[in-house]
Amino acid sequence: MRRLAALAAFLVLALASSSGAQNQGAAANHLATGRGSVPIVKTVTGAVDGSGTTASAIAAVTGKRLSVIGVTLTNTGAAAGLVTFRCGAGGTSMWQANVPATAVGAFIRDSAESGGFLFRCAAGQLVEILNAVAANAVQYNIRYVVED
């Protein structure tokens, strides 16, 4: 009986120690919110017109970082091409995808692992999308978190 109680106490301590270690500090690719709160996932949808057109997909939030955790892109035309997400107007390219033509019936979808993100913009920067897909509009659905 004592061995069973000792084993149970050991398992409780081992599990408590491992879960506590995972929650200490934010890793480079993990979401961070103030006071240990749970991140709230937001969604924005829209479309950006053809070749060379840019649009502000997610507005900047003063003092907050924007972390994109998932993206779905659908081409509305017959030509394939490249779509780029940037931090800031005309800023750094953070994520790109070659969007297939609709004749193929395909789309692009990418998501971060649980608790992570595809890319993160610095505090106060917007997320911009650049469509270089011929004259085709590209529809987007972006899942993101506003971080402290």
N, C-alpha and C. Protein backbone atom coordinates (compact mmCIF):
# COMPACT_ATOMS: atom_id res chain seq x y z
N MET A 1 0.81 -1.19 0.00
CA MET A 1 0.00 0.00 0.00
C MET A 1 0.86 1.26 0.00
N ARG A 2 1.96 1.21 0.77
CA ARG A 2 2.84 2.38 0.82
C ARG A 2 3.48 2.62 -0.54
N ARG A 3 3.85 1.53 -1.22
CA ARG A 3 4.46 1.69 -2.56
C ARG A 3 3.48 2.33 -3.53
N LEU A 4 2.24 1.92 -3.47
CA LEU A 4 1.22 2.49 -4.35
C LEU A 4 1.03 3.98 -4.05
N ALA A 5 0.99 4.35 -2.80
CA ALA A 5 0.85 5.76 -2.42
C ALA A 5 2.06 6.57 -2.86
N ALA A 6 3.26 5.99 -2.72
CA ALA A 6 4.48 6.67 -3.14
C ALA A 6 4.49 6.86 -4.65
N LEU A 7 4.06 5.83 -5.39
CA LEU A 7 4.00 5.92 -6.86
C LEU A 7 3.00 7.00 -7.28
N ALA A 8 1.85 7.04 -6.64
CA ALA A 8 0.84 8.05 -6.96
C ALA A 8 1.37 9.45 -6.69
N ALA A 9 2.04 9.65 -5.57
CA ALA A 9 2.62 10.96 -5.25
C ALA A 9 3.68 11.36 -6.26
N PHE A 10 4.50 10.39 -6.69
CA PHE A 10 5.53 10.66 -7.69
C PHE A 10 4.91 11.11 -9.01
N LEU A 11 3.86 10.40 -9.46
CA LEU A 11 3.20 10.75 -10.72
C LEU A 11 2.57 12.13 -10.66
N VAL A 12 1.96 12.47 -9.54
CA VAL A 12 1.37 13.81 -9.40
C VAL A 12 2.44 14.88 -9.51
N LEU A 13 3.57 14.68 -8.83
CA LEU A 13 4.67 15.65 -8.90
C LEU A 13 5.27 15.71 -10.30
N ALA A 14 5.44 14.57 -10.94
CA ALA A 14 6.03 14.54 -12.29
C ALA A 14 5.14 15.26 -13.29
N LEU A 15 3.85 15.01 -13.24
CA LEU A 15 2.93 15.68 -14.17
C LEU A 15 2.86 17.17 -13.90
N ALA A 16 2.82 17.56 -12.64
CA ALA A 16 2.77 18.99 -12.30
C ALA A 16 4.04 19.69 -12.75
N SER A 17 5.19 19.04 -12.62
CA SER A 17 6.46 19.64 -13.01
C SER A 17 6.55 19.81 -14.52
N SER A 18 6.12 18.79 -15.28
CA SER A 18 6.25 18.90 -16.73
C SER A 18 5.30 19.93 -17.30
N SER A 19 4.06 20.02 -16.79
CA SER A 19 3.14 21.02 -17.34
C SER A 19 3.58 22.43 -16.95
N GLY A 20 4.15 22.60 -15.78
CA GLY A 20 4.64 23.91 -15.36
C GLY A 20 5.80 24.36 -16.21
N ALA A 21 6.67 23.42 -16.59
CA ALA A 21 7.83 23.76 -17.41
C ALA A 21 7.39 24.23 -18.80
N GLN A 22 6.31 23.66 -19.32
CA GLN A 22 5.84 24.05 -20.65
C GLN A 22 5.26 25.46 -20.66
N ASN A 23 4.75 25.91 -19.52
CA ASN A 23 4.10 27.20 -19.47
C ASN A 23 5.03 28.34 -19.08
N GLN A 24 6.27 28.06 -18.81
CA GLN A 24 7.20 29.11 -18.39
C GLN A 24 7.80 29.79 -19.61
N GLY A 25 7.58 31.07 -19.73
CA GLY A 25 8.18 31.85 -20.82
C GLY A 25 7.54 31.52 -22.16
N ALA A 26 7.56 32.47 -23.06
CA ALA A 26 7.01 32.27 -24.39
C ALA A 26 8.13 31.87 -25.34
N ALA A 27 7.95 30.73 -25.99
CA ALA A 27 8.93 30.29 -26.97
C ALA A 27 8.85 31.22 -28.18
N ALA A 28 9.85 31.13 -29.05
CA ALA A 28 9.94 32.04 -30.20
C ALA A 28 8.72 31.95 -31.11
N ASN A 29 8.08 30.79 -31.22
CA ASN A 29 6.95 30.64 -32.12
C ASN A 29 5.68 30.27 -31.36
N HIS A 30 5.47 30.88 -30.19
CA HIS A 30 4.25 30.65 -29.44
C HIS A 30 3.58 31.98 -29.12
N LEU A 31 2.26 31.94 -29.09
CA LEU A 31 1.49 33.14 -28.83
C LEU A 31 1.69 33.61 -27.40
N ALA A 32 1.71 34.93 -27.22
CA ALA A 32 1.88 35.51 -25.89
C ALA A 32 0.78 36.53 -25.64
N THR A 33 0.13 36.39 -24.51
CA THR A 33 -0.88 37.37 -24.12
C THR A 33 -0.58 37.80 -22.69
N GLY A 34 -1.10 38.93 -22.31
CA GLY A 34 -0.83 39.47 -20.99
C GLY A 34 -1.47 38.66 -19.88
N ARG A 35 -0.82 38.58 -18.78
CA ARG A 35 -1.32 37.94 -17.58
C ARG A 35 -1.77 36.50 -17.80
N GLY A 36 -1.17 35.80 -18.75
CA GLY A 36 -1.48 34.39 -18.97
C GLY A 36 -2.86 34.12 -19.54
N SER A 37 -3.49 35.11 -20.13
CA SER A 37 -4.84 34.92 -20.66
C SER A 37 -4.80 34.06 -21.93
N VAL A 38 -5.94 33.52 -22.28
CA VAL A 38 -6.07 32.69 -23.47
C VAL A 38 -6.23 33.60 -24.70
N PRO A 39 -5.45 33.35 -25.76
CA PRO A 39 -5.57 34.18 -26.97
C PRO A 39 -6.96 34.03 -27.60
N ILE A 40 -7.51 35.12 -28.10
CA ILE A 40 -8.80 35.09 -28.79
C ILE A 40 -8.53 35.14 -30.28
N VAL A 41 -8.98 34.12 -30.97
CA VAL A 41 -8.77 34.03 -32.42
C VAL A 41 -9.81 34.89 -33.13
N LYS A 42 -9.32 35.73 -34.04
CA LYS A 42 -10.18 36.59 -34.85
C LYS A 42 -10.05 36.16 -36.30
N THR A 43 -11.05 36.50 -37.11
CA THR A 43 -11.05 36.14 -38.52
C THR A 43 -11.39 37.36 -39.36
N VAL A 44 -10.71 37.48 -40.48
CA VAL A 44 -11.02 38.54 -41.44
C VAL A 44 -11.08 37.88 -42.83
N THR A 45 -12.06 38.29 -43.62
CA THR A 45 -12.20 37.77 -44.98
C THR A 45 -12.29 38.94 -45.95
N GLY A 46 -11.97 38.66 -47.19
CA GLY A 46 -12.05 39.69 -48.21
C GLY A 46 -11.48 39.20 -49.51
N ALA A 47 -11.23 40.13 -50.41
CA ALA A 47 -10.64 39.81 -51.71
C ALA A 47 -9.73 40.96 -52.11
N VAL A 48 -8.68 40.62 -52.82
CA VAL A 48 -7.77 41.63 -53.33
C VAL A 48 -7.69 41.46 -54.84
N ASP A 49 -7.83 42.57 -55.58
CA ASP A 49 -7.85 42.54 -57.04
C ASP A 49 -6.53 42.07 -57.63
N GLY A 50 -6.50 42.02 -58.96
CA GLY A 50 -5.41 41.43 -59.72
C GLY A 50 -4.03 42.00 -59.60
N SER A 51 -3.19 41.56 -60.48
CA SER A 51 -1.74 41.71 -60.50
C SER A 51 -1.20 43.02 -59.95
N GLY A 52 -0.37 42.89 -58.92
CA GLY A 52 0.31 44.04 -58.34
C GLY A 52 -0.51 44.84 -57.36
N THR A 53 -1.73 44.41 -57.07
CA THR A 53 -2.60 45.14 -56.15
C THR A 53 -2.29 44.76 -54.71
N THR A 54 -2.25 45.75 -53.83
CA THR A 54 -2.08 45.49 -52.40
C THR A 54 -3.32 45.95 -51.66
N ALA A 55 -3.55 45.34 -50.50
CA ALA A 55 -4.66 45.72 -49.64
C ALA A 55 -4.27 45.50 -48.20
N SER A 56 -4.79 46.34 -47.33
CA SER A 56 -4.60 46.16 -45.90
C SER A 56 -5.59 45.09 -45.44
N ALA A 57 -5.07 43.90 -45.12
CA ALA A 57 -5.94 42.80 -44.74
C ALA A 57 -6.35 42.89 -43.27
N ILE A 58 -5.40 43.28 -42.39
CA ILE A 58 -5.69 43.43 -40.97
C ILE A 58 -5.13 44.78 -40.53
N ALA A 59 -5.99 45.60 -39.96
CA ALA A 59 -5.56 46.93 -39.51
C ALA A 59 -4.61 46.84 -38.32
N ALA A 60 -3.69 47.78 -38.26
CA ALA A 60 -2.75 47.86 -37.14
C ALA A 60 -3.49 48.17 -35.85
N VAL A 61 -2.93 47.66 -34.73
CA VAL A 61 -3.46 47.94 -33.41
C VAL A 61 -2.32 48.55 -32.60
N THR A 62 -2.50 49.77 -32.13
CA THR A 62 -1.45 50.48 -31.39
C THR A 62 -0.96 49.66 -30.20
N GLY A 63 0.36 49.45 -30.16
CA GLY A 63 0.98 48.75 -29.04
C GLY A 63 0.77 47.25 -29.01
N LYS A 64 0.15 46.68 -30.04
CA LYS A 64 -0.14 45.24 -30.08
C LYS A 64 0.48 44.61 -31.31
N ARG A 65 0.92 43.36 -31.16
CA ARG A 65 1.44 42.58 -32.30
C ARG A 65 0.29 41.79 -32.91
N LEU A 66 0.36 41.58 -34.22
CA LEU A 66 -0.61 40.74 -34.92
C LEU A 66 0.10 39.44 -35.30
N SER A 67 -0.46 38.32 -34.86
CA SER A 67 0.10 37.02 -35.18
C SER A 67 -0.90 36.24 -36.02
N VAL A 68 -0.52 35.94 -37.26
CA VAL A 68 -1.38 35.20 -38.17
C VAL A 68 -1.18 33.72 -37.90
N ILE A 69 -2.29 33.02 -37.61
CA ILE A 69 -2.21 31.60 -37.28
C ILE A 69 -2.75 30.69 -38.37
N GLY A 70 -3.46 31.27 -39.34
CA GLY A 70 -3.99 30.46 -40.43
C GLY A 70 -4.41 31.32 -41.61
N VAL A 71 -4.27 30.75 -42.80
CA VAL A 71 -4.60 31.47 -44.04
C VAL A 71 -5.26 30.50 -45.02
N THR A 72 -6.32 30.96 -45.68
CA THR A 72 -6.90 30.23 -46.81
C THR A 72 -7.01 31.22 -47.97
N LEU A 73 -6.50 30.84 -49.13
CA LEU A 73 -6.52 31.68 -50.33
C LEU A 73 -7.20 30.93 -51.46
N THR A 74 -8.08 31.62 -52.19
CA THR A 74 -8.75 31.02 -53.34
C THR A 74 -8.63 31.97 -54.52
N ASN A 75 -8.14 31.45 -55.63
CA ASN A 75 -7.99 32.22 -56.86
C ASN A 75 -9.33 32.24 -57.59
N THR A 76 -9.75 33.37 -58.11
CA THR A 76 -11.03 33.45 -58.81
C THR A 76 -10.88 33.39 -60.33
N GLY A 77 -9.67 33.20 -60.83
CA GLY A 77 -9.46 33.19 -62.27
C GLY A 77 -8.69 31.99 -62.77
N ALA A 78 -8.33 32.03 -64.05
CA ALA A 78 -7.72 30.89 -64.72
C ALA A 78 -6.19 30.88 -64.66
N ALA A 79 -5.57 31.94 -64.16
CA ALA A 79 -4.11 31.98 -64.10
C ALA A 79 -3.64 31.79 -62.66
N ALA A 80 -2.56 31.05 -62.49
CA ALA A 80 -1.96 30.87 -61.17
C ALA A 80 -1.00 32.03 -60.90
N GLY A 81 -0.62 32.20 -59.64
CA GLY A 81 0.33 33.25 -59.32
C GLY A 81 0.65 33.32 -57.84
N LEU A 82 1.49 34.28 -57.50
CA LEU A 82 2.02 34.41 -56.16
C LEU A 82 1.25 35.45 -55.34
N VAL A 83 0.94 35.09 -54.07
CA VAL A 83 0.32 36.00 -53.12
C VAL A 83 1.28 36.12 -51.95
N THR A 84 1.53 37.37 -51.50
CA THR A 84 2.49 37.62 -50.44
C THR A 84 1.82 38.40 -49.31
N PHE A 85 2.11 38.00 -48.07
CA PHE A 85 1.67 38.76 -46.91
C PHE A 85 2.87 39.53 -46.37
N ARG A 86 2.64 40.81 -46.02
CA ARG A 86 3.73 41.65 -45.52
C ARG A 86 3.31 42.33 -44.22
N CYS A 87 4.31 42.64 -43.41
CA CYS A 87 4.09 43.41 -42.18
C CYS A 87 4.36 44.87 -42.51
N GLY A 88 3.35 45.72 -42.35
CA GLY A 88 3.49 47.13 -42.67
C GLY A 88 3.23 47.38 -44.14
N ALA A 89 2.78 48.58 -44.48
CA ALA A 89 2.52 48.95 -45.87
C ALA A 89 3.83 48.92 -46.66
N GLY A 90 3.90 48.07 -47.65
CA GLY A 90 5.12 47.93 -48.45
C GLY A 90 6.28 47.34 -47.66
N GLY A 91 5.97 46.69 -46.54
CA GLY A 91 6.99 46.19 -45.61
C GLY A 91 7.59 44.85 -45.96
N THR A 92 8.11 44.20 -44.94
CA THR A 92 8.82 42.93 -45.08
C THR A 92 7.89 41.80 -45.46
N SER A 93 8.27 41.01 -46.47
CA SER A 93 7.51 39.83 -46.86
C SER A 93 7.64 38.77 -45.78
N MET A 94 6.51 38.28 -45.29
CA MET A 94 6.52 37.32 -44.19
C MET A 94 6.04 35.93 -44.57
N TRP A 95 5.17 35.82 -45.58
CA TRP A 95 4.61 34.53 -45.97
C TRP A 95 4.15 34.64 -47.40
N GLN A 96 4.43 33.60 -48.21
CA GLN A 96 4.04 33.60 -49.63
C GLN A 96 3.45 32.26 -50.01
N ALA A 97 2.59 32.29 -51.03
CA ALA A 97 2.03 31.06 -51.58
C ALA A 97 1.78 31.23 -53.06
N ASN A 98 2.04 30.19 -53.82
CA ASN A 98 1.70 30.16 -55.23
C ASN A 98 0.29 29.61 -55.34
N VAL A 99 -0.66 30.48 -55.65
CA VAL A 99 -2.07 30.09 -55.68
C VAL A 99 -2.39 29.47 -57.04
N PRO A 100 -2.92 28.24 -57.03
CA PRO A 100 -3.24 27.58 -58.31
C PRO A 100 -4.46 28.22 -58.98
N ALA A 101 -4.58 27.98 -60.28
CA ALA A 101 -5.72 28.48 -61.04
C ALA A 101 -6.99 27.76 -60.62
N THR A 102 -8.14 28.44 -60.75
CA THR A 102 -9.41 27.83 -60.33
C THR A 102 -9.80 26.65 -61.22
N ALA A 103 -9.28 26.59 -62.44
CA ALA A 103 -9.59 25.46 -63.30
C ALA A 103 -9.15 24.15 -62.63
N VAL A 104 -8.16 24.23 -61.78
CA VAL A 104 -7.68 23.06 -61.05
C VAL A 104 -8.63 22.74 -59.90
N GLY A 105 -9.40 23.70 -59.46
CA GLY A 105 -10.33 23.53 -58.36
C GLY A 105 -9.65 23.47 -57.01
N ALA A 106 -8.48 24.06 -56.90
CA ALA A 106 -7.71 23.98 -55.66
C ALA A 106 -7.65 25.33 -54.97
N PHE A 107 -7.18 25.30 -53.76
CA PHE A 107 -6.98 26.50 -52.96
C PHE A 107 -5.75 26.25 -52.10
N ILE A 108 -5.30 27.27 -51.42
CA ILE A 108 -4.17 27.17 -50.50
C ILE A 108 -4.69 27.34 -49.08
N ARG A 109 -4.30 26.43 -48.20
CA ARG A 109 -4.65 26.57 -46.78
C ARG A 109 -3.42 26.21 -45.96
N ASP A 110 -3.10 27.06 -45.00
CA ASP A 110 -1.96 26.79 -44.12
C ASP A 110 -2.34 27.23 -42.71
N SER A 111 -1.94 26.44 -41.74
CA SER A 111 -2.21 26.75 -40.34
C SER A 111 -0.98 26.44 -39.51
N ALA A 112 -0.80 27.21 -38.46
CA ALA A 112 0.30 26.98 -37.54
C ALA A 112 -0.03 25.80 -36.63
N GLU A 113 1.00 25.22 -36.05
CA GLU A 113 0.79 24.19 -35.04
C GLU A 113 0.10 24.82 -33.85
N SER A 114 -0.54 24.02 -33.03
CA SER A 114 -1.26 24.50 -31.85
C SER A 114 -0.38 25.40 -30.99
N GLY A 115 -0.88 26.61 -30.72
CA GLY A 115 -0.15 27.56 -29.89
C GLY A 115 0.89 28.37 -30.63
N GLY A 116 1.09 28.13 -31.92
CA GLY A 116 2.10 28.86 -32.69
C GLY A 116 1.47 29.81 -33.69
N PHE A 117 2.29 30.30 -34.63
CA PHE A 117 1.79 31.23 -35.64
C PHE A 117 2.59 31.04 -36.92
N LEU A 118 2.00 31.47 -38.05
CA LEU A 118 2.70 31.43 -39.34
C LEU A 118 3.70 32.57 -39.41
N PHE A 119 3.25 33.76 -39.01
CA PHE A 119 4.14 34.92 -38.93
C PHE A 119 3.56 35.93 -37.96
N ARG A 120 4.42 36.80 -37.47
CA ARG A 120 4.04 37.82 -36.47
C ARG A 120 4.58 39.17 -36.92
N CYS A 121 3.73 40.18 -36.84
CA CYS A 121 4.15 41.55 -37.15
C CYS A 121 4.45 42.29 -35.85
N ALA A 122 5.39 43.20 -35.92
CA ALA A 122 5.77 44.01 -34.76
C ALA A 122 4.58 44.85 -34.30
N ALA A 123 4.65 45.31 -33.07
CA ALA A 123 3.58 46.13 -32.50
C ALA A 123 3.28 47.34 -33.38
N GLY A 124 2.00 47.57 -33.62
CA GLY A 124 1.58 48.74 -34.38
C GLY A 124 1.66 48.60 -35.89
N GLN A 125 1.97 47.41 -36.41
CA GLN A 125 2.04 47.21 -37.87
C GLN A 125 0.80 46.50 -38.37
N LEU A 126 0.35 46.89 -39.56
CA LEU A 126 -0.76 46.22 -40.21
C LEU A 126 -0.27 44.99 -40.97
N VAL A 127 -1.20 44.15 -41.40
CA VAL A 127 -0.87 43.03 -42.27
C VAL A 127 -1.40 43.37 -43.65
N GLU A 128 -0.50 43.37 -44.62
CA GLU A 128 -0.83 43.73 -46.00
C GLU A 128 -0.73 42.49 -46.87
N ILE A 129 -1.61 42.40 -47.87
CA ILE A 129 -1.58 41.31 -48.83
C ILE A 129 -1.27 41.89 -50.21
N LEU A 130 -0.35 41.25 -50.92
CA LEU A 130 0.03 41.65 -52.28
C LEU A 130 -0.38 40.52 -53.22
N ASN A 131 -1.22 40.84 -54.19
CA ASN A 131 -1.69 39.87 -55.16
C ASN A 131 -0.94 40.06 -56.47
N ALA A 132 -0.14 39.06 -56.85
CA ALA A 132 0.58 39.10 -58.13
C ALA A 132 0.04 38.02 -59.06
N VAL A 133 -1.25 37.73 -58.97
CA VAL A 133 -1.89 36.68 -59.77
C VAL A 133 -2.58 37.32 -60.97
N ALA A 134 -1.83 37.52 -62.07
CA ALA A 134 -2.37 38.08 -63.32
C ALA A 134 -3.43 39.13 -63.03
N ALA A 135 -4.58 39.03 -63.67
CA ALA A 135 -5.65 40.00 -63.44
C ALA A 135 -6.76 39.40 -62.58
N ASN A 136 -6.43 38.32 -61.85
CA ASN A 136 -7.43 37.61 -61.06
C ASN A 136 -7.52 38.14 -59.63
N ALA A 137 -8.72 38.26 -59.14
CA ALA A 137 -8.89 38.55 -57.72
C ALA A 137 -8.61 37.29 -56.91
N VAL A 138 -8.07 37.46 -55.71
CA VAL A 138 -7.83 36.35 -54.80
C VAL A 138 -8.63 36.61 -53.54
N GLN A 139 -9.44 35.63 -53.14
CA GLN A 139 -10.21 35.73 -51.91
C GLN A 139 -9.36 35.20 -50.77
N TYR A 140 -9.47 35.82 -49.60
CA TYR A 140 -8.69 35.37 -48.45
C TYR A 140 -9.55 35.23 -47.21
N ASN A 141 -9.12 34.33 -46.34
CA ASN A 141 -9.68 34.14 -45.02
C ASN A 141 -8.47 34.00 -44.10
N ILE A 142 -8.32 34.93 -43.17
CA ILE A 142 -7.14 34.97 -42.30
C ILE A 142 -7.59 34.82 -40.86
N ARG A 143 -6.96 33.90 -40.14
CA ARG A 143 -7.18 33.75 -38.70
C ARG A 143 -5.97 34.31 -37.98
N TYR A 144 -6.23 35.16 -36.99
CA TYR A 144 -5.11 35.85 -36.32
C TYR A 144 -5.44 36.13 -34.85
N VAL A 145 -4.39 36.50 -34.12
CA VAL A 145 -4.51 36.84 -32.71
C VAL A 145 -3.83 38.19 -32.49
N VAL A 146 -4.46 39.05 -31.69
CA VAL A 146 -3.84 40.32 -31.29
C VAL A 146 -3.12 40.04 -29.97
N GLU A 147 -1.79 40.26 -29.97
CA GLU A 147 -0.98 39.95 -28.80
C GLU A 147 -0.51 41.22 -28.09
N ASP A 148 -0.21 41.08 -26.79
CA ASP A 148 0.34 42.17 -25.99
C ASP A 148 1.73 42.51 -26.44
